[in-house]
Amino acid sequence: MRVLVVEDAQRLADAIARGLRAEGMAVDVAYDGTTGHEKTTHTRYDVVVLDRDLPGMHGDEVLAELVAAGGVTRVLMLTASAGVEERVDGLALGADDYLTKPFAFPELVARVRALGRRATPAVPPVLRAGDLEVDSAKRSVARAGRSVELTRKEFGVLEVLLAAGGSVVSSEELLERVWDENADPFTTTVRVTVMTLRRKLGDPGVIDTVVGAGYRIRLTAPDPAGDAAAGDDEPAAAGTGDDRG
């Protein structure tokens, strides 16, 4: 899930970003409304966590631009005001949810996850392909009943591939959905992450490389004769050298 946090209190913004990254999300940060709006014009975010009282471009203006642009981005507005009128105003402007400061971080995570599910096509809470099972809520992976330990980035790549339901996902799309704006598109992290993911998942392989296009999950039983070659030809790489756990 790709998230943008727009909050002028830098310590709070950074703390929210760290916490959401620890939950496996790719998070960008802006400390004013103008920068936040600019980021939304260049990147498709699943969720924007948006403070209402922002310097530069007010949070209401940022929200109005997001609503006018259409798309699937969901907005969770933050405010220091606990008044009902404030919440009603924000929702009337097009916010999808509202959270009053101070807030409990687990509640923020739950609300962001709920909005993220609304921002993308609905997928089952547990994703499966053959004997591979991924529980997004529990952040757990099992292959033939055996638990598989993955890094956050490996889990994110696998989740995106499974959610695609056998369709090809490009390296660029994986970079956009799993990493953040600090990712360098000219190095090899996506390719390396897929390689380590294949190794951890074991044989027979479940991730195919579609040369020049990207990767896809096998929905049918693999061909043992062709399995060894499945990971040899990689698409053009995209990513950054920092896997970030």
C-alpha atoms as a PDB file:
ATOM      1  CA  MET A   1       0.000   0.000   0.000  1.00  0.00           C
ATOM      2  CA  ARG A   2       1.324   3.461  -0.934  1.00  0.00           C
ATOM      3  CA  VAL A   3       0.568   6.209   1.621  1.00  0.00           C
ATOM      4  CA  LEU A   4       1.270   9.945   1.754  1.00  0.00           C
ATOM      5  CA  VAL A   5       1.400  11.696   5.136  1.00  0.00           C
ATOM      6  CA  VAL A   6       0.840  15.480   4.906  1.00  0.00           C
ATOM      7  CA  GLU A   7       1.442  16.985   8.344  1.00  0.00           C
ATOM      8  CA  ASP A   8       3.279  20.209   9.270  1.00  0.00           C
ATOM      9  CA  ALA A   9       4.346  18.979  12.716  1.00  0.00           C
ATOM     10  CA  GLN A  10       7.520  17.289  11.494  1.00  0.00           C
ATOM     11  CA  ARG A  11       8.063  15.035  14.500  1.00  0.00           C
ATOM     12  CA  LEU A  12       4.485  13.762  14.313  1.00  0.00           C
ATOM     13  CA  ALA A  13       4.685  13.281  10.539  1.00  0.00           C
ATOM     14  CA  ASP A  14       7.936  11.340  10.822  1.00  0.00           C
ATOM     15  CA  ALA A  15       6.570   9.227  13.686  1.00  0.00           C
ATOM     16  CA  ILE A  16       3.450   8.343  11.670  1.00  0.00           C
ATOM     17  CA  ALA A  17       5.602   7.468   8.657  1.00  0.00           C
ATOM     18  CA  ARG A  18       7.918   5.229  10.716  1.00  0.00           C
ATOM     19  CA  GLY A  19       4.977   3.431  12.271  1.00  0.00           C
ATOM     20  CA  LEU A  20       3.201   2.839   8.960  1.00  0.00           C
ATOM     21  CA  ARG A  21       6.424   1.604   7.356  1.00  0.00           C
ATOM     22  CA  ALA A  22       6.792  -0.844  10.225  1.00  0.00           C
ATOM     23  CA  GLU A  23       3.334  -2.105   9.216  1.00  0.00           C
ATOM     24  CA  GLY A  24       4.642  -2.863   5.739  1.00  0.00           C
ATOM     25  CA  MET A  25       3.409   0.252   3.922  1.00  0.00           C
ATOM     26  CA  ALA A  26       5.381   2.431   1.493  1.00  0.00           C
ATOM     27  CA  VAL A  27       5.166   5.962   2.918  1.00  0.00           C
ATOM     28  CA  ASP A  28       6.068   9.415   1.606  1.00  0.00           C
ATOM     29  CA  VAL A  29       5.927  12.570   3.733  1.00  0.00           C
ATOM     30  CA  ALA A  30       5.170  16.244   3.071  1.00  0.00           C
ATOM     31  CA  TYR A  31       5.353  18.983   5.708  1.00  0.00           C
ATOM     32  CA  ASP A  32       3.104  21.525   3.974  1.00  0.00           C
ATOM     33  CA  GLY A  33       0.033  21.492   1.798  1.00  0.00           C
ATOM     34  CA  THR A  34       1.723  22.761  -1.357  1.00  0.00           C
ATOM     35  CA  THR A  35       4.311  19.983  -1.345  1.00  0.00           C
ATOM     36  CA  GLY A  36       1.664  17.430  -0.473  1.00  0.00           C
ATOM     37  CA  HIS A  37      -0.492  18.481  -3.399  1.00  0.00           C
ATOM     38  CA  GLU A  38       2.487  18.334  -5.777  1.00  0.00           C
ATOM     39  CA  LYS A  39       3.264  14.771  -4.666  1.00  0.00           C
ATOM     40  CA  THR A  40      -0.310  13.665  -5.333  1.00  0.00           C
ATOM     41  CA  THR A  41      -0.064  14.944  -8.913  1.00  0.00           C
ATOM     42  CA  HIS A  42       2.969  12.742  -9.625  1.00  0.00           C
ATOM     43  CA  THR A  43       2.197   9.570  -7.644  1.00  0.00           C
ATOM     44  CA  ARG A  44      -0.946   7.491  -7.231  1.00  0.00           C
ATOM     45  CA  TYR A  45      -1.449   6.992  -3.508  1.00  0.00           C
ATOM     46  CA  ASP A  46      -3.870   4.521  -2.011  1.00  0.00           C
ATOM     47  CA  VAL A  47      -4.342   6.695   1.085  1.00  0.00           C
ATOM     48  CA  VAL A  48      -3.448  10.277   1.997  1.00  0.00           C
ATOM     49  CA  VAL A  49      -3.266  11.052   5.730  1.00  0.00           C
ATOM     50  CA  LEU A  50      -3.991  14.788   5.576  1.00  0.00           C
ATOM     51  CA  ASP A  51      -3.758  17.363   8.350  1.00  0.00           C
ATOM     52  CA  ARG A  52      -6.395  20.032   7.950  1.00  0.00           C
ATOM     53  CA  ASP A  53      -4.509  23.113   9.172  1.00  0.00           C
ATOM     54  CA  LEU A  54      -1.490  23.203   6.881  1.00  0.00           C
ATOM     55  CA  PRO A  55       0.872  26.010   5.841  1.00  0.00           C
ATOM     56  CA  GLY A  56       1.002  26.879   2.178  1.00  0.00           C
ATOM     57  CA  MET A  57      -2.015  25.142   0.712  1.00  0.00           C
ATOM     58  CA  HIS A  58      -4.712  24.500   3.321  1.00  0.00           C
ATOM     59  CA  GLY A  59      -5.743  20.907   3.886  1.00  0.00           C
ATOM     60  CA  ASP A  60      -9.249  21.684   2.640  1.00  0.00           C
ATOM     61  CA  GLU A  61      -7.783  22.896  -0.667  1.00  0.00           C
ATOM     62  CA  VAL A  62      -5.622  19.800  -1.022  1.00  0.00           C
ATOM     63  CA  LEU A  63      -8.687  17.650  -0.376  1.00  0.00           C
ATOM     64  CA  ALA A  64     -10.729  19.591  -2.920  1.00  0.00           C
ATOM     65  CA  GLU A  65      -8.039  19.027  -5.576  1.00  0.00           C
ATOM     66  CA  LEU A  66      -7.920  15.305  -4.822  1.00  0.00           C
ATOM     67  CA  VAL A  67     -11.699  15.001  -5.071  1.00  0.00           C
ATOM     68  CA  ALA A  68     -11.790  17.013  -8.313  1.00  0.00           C
ATOM     69  CA  ALA A  69      -9.090  14.791  -9.838  1.00  0.00           C
ATOM     70  CA  GLY A  70     -11.192  11.692  -9.260  1.00  0.00           C
ATOM     71  CA  GLY A  71      -9.218   8.466  -8.995  1.00  0.00           C
ATOM     72  CA  VAL A  72      -9.137   5.933  -6.191  1.00  0.00           C
ATOM     73  CA  THR A  73      -7.100   7.780  -3.537  1.00  0.00           C
ATOM     74  CA  ARG A  74      -8.770   7.767  -0.125  1.00  0.00           C
ATOM     75  CA  VAL A  75      -8.279  10.598   2.368  1.00  0.00           C
ATOM     76  CA  LEU A  76      -8.033  10.358   6.149  1.00  0.00           C
ATOM     77  CA  MET A  77      -8.170  13.867   7.578  1.00  0.00           C
ATOM     78  CA  LEU A  78      -6.490  14.781  10.850  1.00  0.00           C
ATOM     79  CA  THR A  79      -7.556  17.707  13.009  1.00  0.00           C
ATOM     80  CA  ALA A  80      -6.876  19.069  16.469  1.00  0.00           C
ATOM     81  CA  SER A  81     -10.538  19.992  16.808  1.00  0.00           C
ATOM     82  CA  ALA A  82     -12.869  17.473  18.380  1.00  0.00           C
ATOM     83  CA  GLY A  83     -15.972  19.412  17.366  1.00  0.00           C
ATOM     84  CA  VAL A  84     -18.707  17.626  15.454  1.00  0.00           C
ATOM     85  CA  GLU A  85     -19.003  20.588  13.066  1.00  0.00           C
ATOM     86  CA  GLU A  86     -15.348  20.263  12.059  1.00  0.00           C
ATOM     87  CA  ARG A  87     -15.759  16.565  11.319  1.00  0.00           C
ATOM     88  CA  VAL A  88     -18.955  17.145   9.358  1.00  0.00           C
ATOM     89  CA  ASP A  89     -17.287  19.889   7.308  1.00  0.00           C
ATOM     90  CA  GLY A  90     -14.342  17.653   6.450  1.00  0.00           C
ATOM     91  CA  LEU A  91     -16.547  14.766   5.404  1.00  0.00           C
ATOM     92  CA  ALA A  92     -18.767  17.116   3.387  1.00  0.00           C
ATOM     93  CA  LEU A  93     -15.689  18.284   1.496  1.00  0.00           C
ATOM     94  CA  GLY A  94     -15.009  14.708   0.420  1.00  0.00           C
ATOM     95  CA  ALA A  95     -12.810  13.169   3.120  1.00  0.00           C
ATOM     96  CA  ASP A  96     -13.326   9.433   3.479  1.00  0.00           C
ATOM     97  CA  ASP A  97     -12.595   9.345   7.213  1.00  0.00           C
ATOM     98  CA  TYR A  98     -11.712  11.688  10.061  1.00  0.00           C
ATOM     99  CA  LEU A  99      -9.437  11.297  13.072  1.00  0.00           C
ATOM    100  CA  THR A 100      -9.005  13.744  15.928  1.00  0.00           C
ATOM    101  CA  LYS A 101      -5.624  14.477  17.522  1.00  0.00           C
ATOM    102  CA  PRO A 102      -4.359  13.080  19.778  1.00  0.00           C
ATOM    103  CA  PHE A 103      -5.124   9.602  18.500  1.00  0.00           C
ATOM    104  CA  ALA A 104      -4.091   6.044  19.288  1.00  0.00           C
ATOM    105  CA  PHE A 105      -1.668   4.800  16.651  1.00  0.00           C
ATOM    106  CA  PRO A 106      -3.310   1.339  16.310  1.00  0.00           C
ATOM    107  CA  GLU A 107      -6.553   3.129  15.419  1.00  0.00           C
ATOM    108  CA  LEU A 108      -4.751   5.154  12.745  1.00  0.00           C
ATOM    109  CA  VAL A 109      -3.288   1.960  11.268  1.00  0.00           C
ATOM    110  CA  ALA A 110      -6.689   0.257  11.254  1.00  0.00           C
ATOM    111  CA  ARG A 111      -8.323   3.222   9.526  1.00  0.00           C
ATOM    112  CA  VAL A 112      -5.556   3.503   6.919  1.00  0.00           C
ATOM    113  CA  ARG A 113      -5.799  -0.222   6.155  1.00  0.00           C
ATOM    114  CA  ALA A 114      -9.589   0.007   5.837  1.00  0.00           C
ATOM    115  CA  LEU A 115      -9.293   2.943   3.437  1.00  0.00           C
ATOM    116  CA  GLY A 116      -6.569   1.151   1.494  1.00  0.00           C
ATOM    117  CA  ARG A 117      -8.918  -1.763   0.874  1.00  0.00           C
ATOM    118  CA  ARG A 118     -11.434   0.690  -0.575  1.00  0.00           C
ATOM    119  CA  ALA A 119      -8.814   2.316  -2.801  1.00  0.00           C
ATOM    120  CA  THR A 120      -7.967  -0.869  -4.688  1.00  0.00           C
ATOM    121  CA  PRO A 121     -10.076  -3.646  -6.208  1.00  0.00           C
ATOM    122  CA  ALA A 122     -11.383  -5.889  -3.463  1.00  0.00           C
ATOM    123  CA  VAL A 123      -9.214  -8.908  -2.763  1.00  0.00           C
ATOM    124  CA  PRO A 124      -9.746 -11.729  -0.264  1.00  0.00           C
ATOM    125  CA  PRO A 125      -8.145 -11.239   3.189  1.00  0.00           C
ATOM    126  CA  VAL A 126      -6.186 -14.455   2.586  1.00  0.00           C
ATOM    127  CA  LEU A 127      -4.530 -14.810  -0.825  1.00  0.00           C
ATOM    128  CA  ARG A 128      -3.715 -18.262  -2.228  1.00  0.00           C
ATOM    129  CA  ALA A 129      -1.957 -19.780  -5.212  1.00  0.00           C
ATOM    130  CA  GLY A 130      -1.581 -23.545  -5.075  1.00  0.00           C
ATOM    131  CA  ASP A 131      -0.006 -24.440  -1.738  1.00  0.00           C
ATOM    132  CA  LEU A 132       1.051 -20.820  -1.098  1.00  0.00           C
ATOM    133  CA  GLU A 133      -1.024 -18.828   1.387  1.00  0.00           C
ATOM    134  CA  VAL A 134      -0.624 -15.167   2.390  1.00  0.00           C
ATOM    135  CA  ASP A 135      -2.633 -13.593   5.210  1.00  0.00           C
ATOM    136  CA  SER A 136      -2.392  -9.824   4.713  1.00  0.00           C
ATOM    137  CA  ALA A 137      -3.894  -8.928   8.105  1.00  0.00           C
ATOM    138  CA  LYS A 138      -1.569 -11.221  10.067  1.00  0.00           C
ATOM    139  CA  ARG A 139       1.380 -10.475   7.737  1.00  0.00           C
ATOM    140  CA  SER A 140       2.034 -14.212   7.531  1.00  0.00           C
ATOM    141  CA  VAL A 141       3.117 -16.507   4.682  1.00  0.00           C
ATOM    142  CA  ALA A 142       2.949 -20.293   4.490  1.00  0.00           C
ATOM    143  CA  ARG A 143       4.016 -22.724   1.771  1.00  0.00           C
ATOM    144  CA  ALA A 144       2.627 -26.250   1.994  1.00  0.00           C
ATOM    145  CA  GLY A 145       1.858 -25.549   5.650  1.00  0.00           C
ATOM    146  CA  ARG A 146       5.423 -24.360   6.352  1.00  0.00           C
ATOM    147  CA  SER A 147       5.820 -20.830   7.702  1.00  0.00           C
ATOM    148  CA  VAL A 148       7.997 -18.589   5.519  1.00  0.00           C
ATOM    149  CA  GLU A 149       9.721 -15.560   7.042  1.00  0.00           C
ATOM    150  CA  LEU A 150       9.912 -12.597   4.663  1.00  0.00           C
ATOM    151  CA  THR A 151      11.170  -9.030   4.904  1.00  0.00           C
ATOM    152  CA  ARG A 152       8.618  -6.226   4.547  1.00  0.00           C
ATOM    153  CA  LYS A 153       9.614  -5.634   0.933  1.00  0.00           C
ATOM    154  CA  GLU A 154       9.501  -9.337   0.040  1.00  0.00           C
ATOM    155  CA  PHE A 155       6.057  -9.603   1.619  1.00  0.00           C
ATOM    156  CA  GLY A 156       4.898  -6.511  -0.252  1.00  0.00           C
ATOM    157  CA  VAL A 157       6.074  -7.862  -3.613  1.00  0.00           C
ATOM    158  CA  LEU A 158       4.411 -11.221  -3.003  1.00  0.00           C
ATOM    159  CA  GLU A 159       1.171  -9.563  -1.903  1.00  0.00           C
ATOM    160  CA  VAL A 160       1.027  -7.386  -5.031  1.00  0.00           C
ATOM    161  CA  LEU A 161       1.741 -10.352  -7.316  1.00  0.00           C
ATOM    162  CA  LEU A 162      -0.919 -12.516  -5.668  1.00  0.00           C
ATOM    163  CA  ALA A 163      -3.477  -9.700  -5.750  1.00  0.00           C
ATOM    164  CA  ALA A 164      -2.883  -9.391  -9.510  1.00  0.00           C
ATOM    165  CA  GLY A 165      -4.368 -12.873  -9.913  1.00  0.00           C
ATOM    166  CA  GLY A 166      -1.916 -14.141 -12.498  1.00  0.00           C
ATOM    167  CA  SER A 167      -1.638 -10.891 -14.472  1.00  0.00           C
ATOM    168  CA  VAL A 168       1.827  -9.555 -15.233  1.00  0.00           C
ATOM    169  CA  VAL A 169       3.109  -6.865 -12.856  1.00  0.00           C
ATOM    170  CA  SER A 170       5.983  -4.736 -14.131  1.00  0.00           C
ATOM    171  CA  SER A 171       9.078  -3.881 -12.118  1.00  0.00           C
ATOM    172  CA  GLU A 172       8.002  -0.237 -12.282  1.00  0.00           C
ATOM    173  CA  GLU A 173       4.624  -1.034 -10.765  1.00  0.00           C
ATOM    174  CA  LEU A 174       6.214  -3.113  -8.005  1.00  0.00           C
ATOM    175  CA  LEU A 175       8.544  -0.203  -7.308  1.00  0.00           C
ATOM    176  CA  GLU A 176       5.588   2.171  -7.068  1.00  0.00           C
ATOM    177  CA  ARG A 177       3.416  -0.064  -4.882  1.00  0.00           C
ATOM    178  CA  VAL A 178       6.048  -1.466  -2.482  1.00  0.00           C
ATOM    179  CA  TRP A 179       8.818   1.135  -2.207  1.00  0.00           C
ATOM    180  CA  ASP A 180       8.572   4.914  -1.686  1.00  0.00           C
ATOM    181  CA  GLU A 181       9.733   8.096  -3.416  1.00  0.00           C
ATOM    182  CA  ASN A 182      13.339   7.562  -2.300  1.00  0.00           C
ATOM    183  CA  ALA A 183      13.614   4.473  -4.497  1.00  0.00           C
ATOM    184  CA  ASP A 184      16.160   4.752  -7.313  1.00  0.00           C
ATOM    185  CA  PRO A 185      14.551   3.382 -10.513  1.00  0.00           C
ATOM    186  CA  PHE A 186      17.923   2.606 -12.085  1.00  0.00           C
ATOM    187  CA  THR A 187      19.266  -0.017  -9.702  1.00  0.00           C
ATOM    188  CA  THR A 188      18.331  -3.623  -9.057  1.00  0.00           C
ATOM    189  CA  THR A 189      16.378  -3.959  -5.829  1.00  0.00           C
ATOM    190  CA  VAL A 190      13.155  -5.241  -7.430  1.00  0.00           C
ATOM    191  CA  ARG A 191      15.075  -7.961  -9.267  1.00  0.00           C
ATOM    192  CA  VAL A 192      17.122  -8.867  -6.184  1.00  0.00           C
ATOM    193  CA  THR A 193      14.021  -8.904  -3.980  1.00  0.00           C
ATOM    194  CA  VAL A 194      12.215 -11.261  -6.372  1.00  0.00           C
ATOM    195  CA  MET A 195      15.288 -13.536  -6.464  1.00  0.00           C
ATOM    196  CA  THR A 196      15.463 -13.791  -2.660  1.00  0.00           C
ATOM    197  CA  LEU A 197      11.693 -14.231  -2.495  1.00  0.00           C
ATOM    198  CA  ARG A 198      11.878 -17.158  -4.915  1.00  0.00           C
ATOM    199  CA  ARG A 199      14.623 -18.746  -2.858  1.00  0.00           C
ATOM    200  CA  LYS A 200      12.663 -18.442   0.381  1.00  0.00           C
ATOM    201  CA  LEU A 201       9.460 -19.817  -1.155  1.00  0.00           C
ATOM    202  CA  GLY A 202      11.360 -22.845  -2.453  1.00  0.00           C
ATOM    203  CA  ASP A 203      10.565 -25.345  -5.196  1.00  0.00           C
ATOM    204  CA  PRO A 204       8.582 -25.724  -7.280  1.00  0.00           C
ATOM    205  CA  GLY A 205       8.760 -22.058  -8.205  1.00  0.00           C
ATOM    206  CA  VAL A 206       5.599 -19.952  -8.158  1.00  0.00           C
ATOM    207  CA  ILE A 207       6.870 -16.671  -9.635  1.00  0.00           C
ATOM    208  CA  ASP A 208       7.381 -16.490 -13.376  1.00  0.00           C
ATOM    209  CA  THR A 209       9.419 -13.875 -15.197  1.00  0.00           C
ATOM    210  CA  VAL A 210       7.807 -12.501 -18.336  1.00  0.00           C
ATOM    211  CA  VAL A 211      10.805 -11.198 -20.254  1.00  0.00           C
ATOM    212  CA  GLY A 212      10.568  -7.504 -20.993  1.00  0.00           C
ATOM    213  CA  ALA A 213       7.293  -7.166 -19.075  1.00  0.00           C
ATOM    214  CA  GLY A 214       7.606  -8.155 -15.423  1.00  0.00           C
ATOM    215  CA  TYR A 215       6.522 -10.947 -13.104  1.00  0.00           C
ATOM    216  CA  ARG A 216       3.425 -13.008 -12.399  1.00  0.00           C
ATOM    217  CA  ILE A 217       2.252 -15.648  -9.965  1.00  0.00           C
ATOM    218  CA  ARG A 218       1.634 -19.139 -11.387  1.00  0.00           C
ATOM    219  CA  LEU A 219      -1.954 -20.139 -10.882  1.00  0.00           C
ATOM    220  CA  THR A 220      -1.458 -23.647 -12.341  1.00  0.00           C
ATOM    221  CA  ALA A 221       0.903 -26.442 -11.427  1.00  0.00           C
ATOM    222  CA  PRO A 222       4.456 -25.688 -12.638  1.00  0.00           C
ATOM    223  CA  ASP A 223       6.198 -27.691 -15.338  1.00  0.00           C
ATOM    224  CA  PRO A 224       9.190 -29.348 -13.618  1.00  0.00           C
ATOM    225  CA  ALA A 225      11.147 -29.375 -16.876  1.00  0.00           C
ATOM    226  CA  GLY A 226      10.844 -25.615 -17.303  1.00  0.00           C
ATOM    227  CA  ASP A 227      10.930 -24.609 -13.651  1.00  0.00           C
ATOM    228  CA  ALA A 228      14.676 -24.141 -13.399  1.00  0.00           C
ATOM    229  CA  ALA A 229      14.649 -21.676 -16.250  1.00  0.00           C
ATOM    230  CA  ALA A 230      11.741 -19.640 -14.920  1.00  0.00           C
ATOM    231  CA  GLY A 231      13.911 -17.263 -12.951  1.00  0.00           C
ATOM    232  CA  ASP A 232      16.858 -17.019 -15.327  1.00  0.00           C
ATOM    233  CA  ASP A 233      15.648 -14.229 -17.615  1.00  0.00           C
ATOM    234  CA  GLU A 234      14.795 -11.124 -15.596  1.00  0.00           C
ATOM    235  CA  PRO A 235      12.962  -8.047 -16.917  1.00  0.00           C
ATOM    236  CA  ALA A 236      14.613  -4.663 -16.894  1.00  0.00           C
ATOM    237  CA  ALA A 237      15.320  -3.954 -13.240  1.00  0.00           C
ATOM    238  CA  ALA A 238      13.917  -1.144 -11.162  1.00  0.00           C
ATOM    239  CA  GLY A 239      14.473  -0.297  -7.532  1.00  0.00           C
ATOM    240  CA  THR A 240      16.912   0.958  -4.983  1.00  0.00           C
ATOM    241  CA  GLY A 241      19.733  -0.738  -3.168  1.00  0.00           C
ATOM    242  CA  ASP A 242      17.950  -0.191   0.152  1.00  0.00           C
ATOM    243  CA  ASP A 243      15.495  -2.997   0.885  1.00  0.00           C
ATOM    244  CA  ARG A 244      14.512  -1.369   4.237  1.00  0.00           C
ATOM    245  CA  GLY A 245      13.777  -4.661   5.938  1.00  0.00           C
END
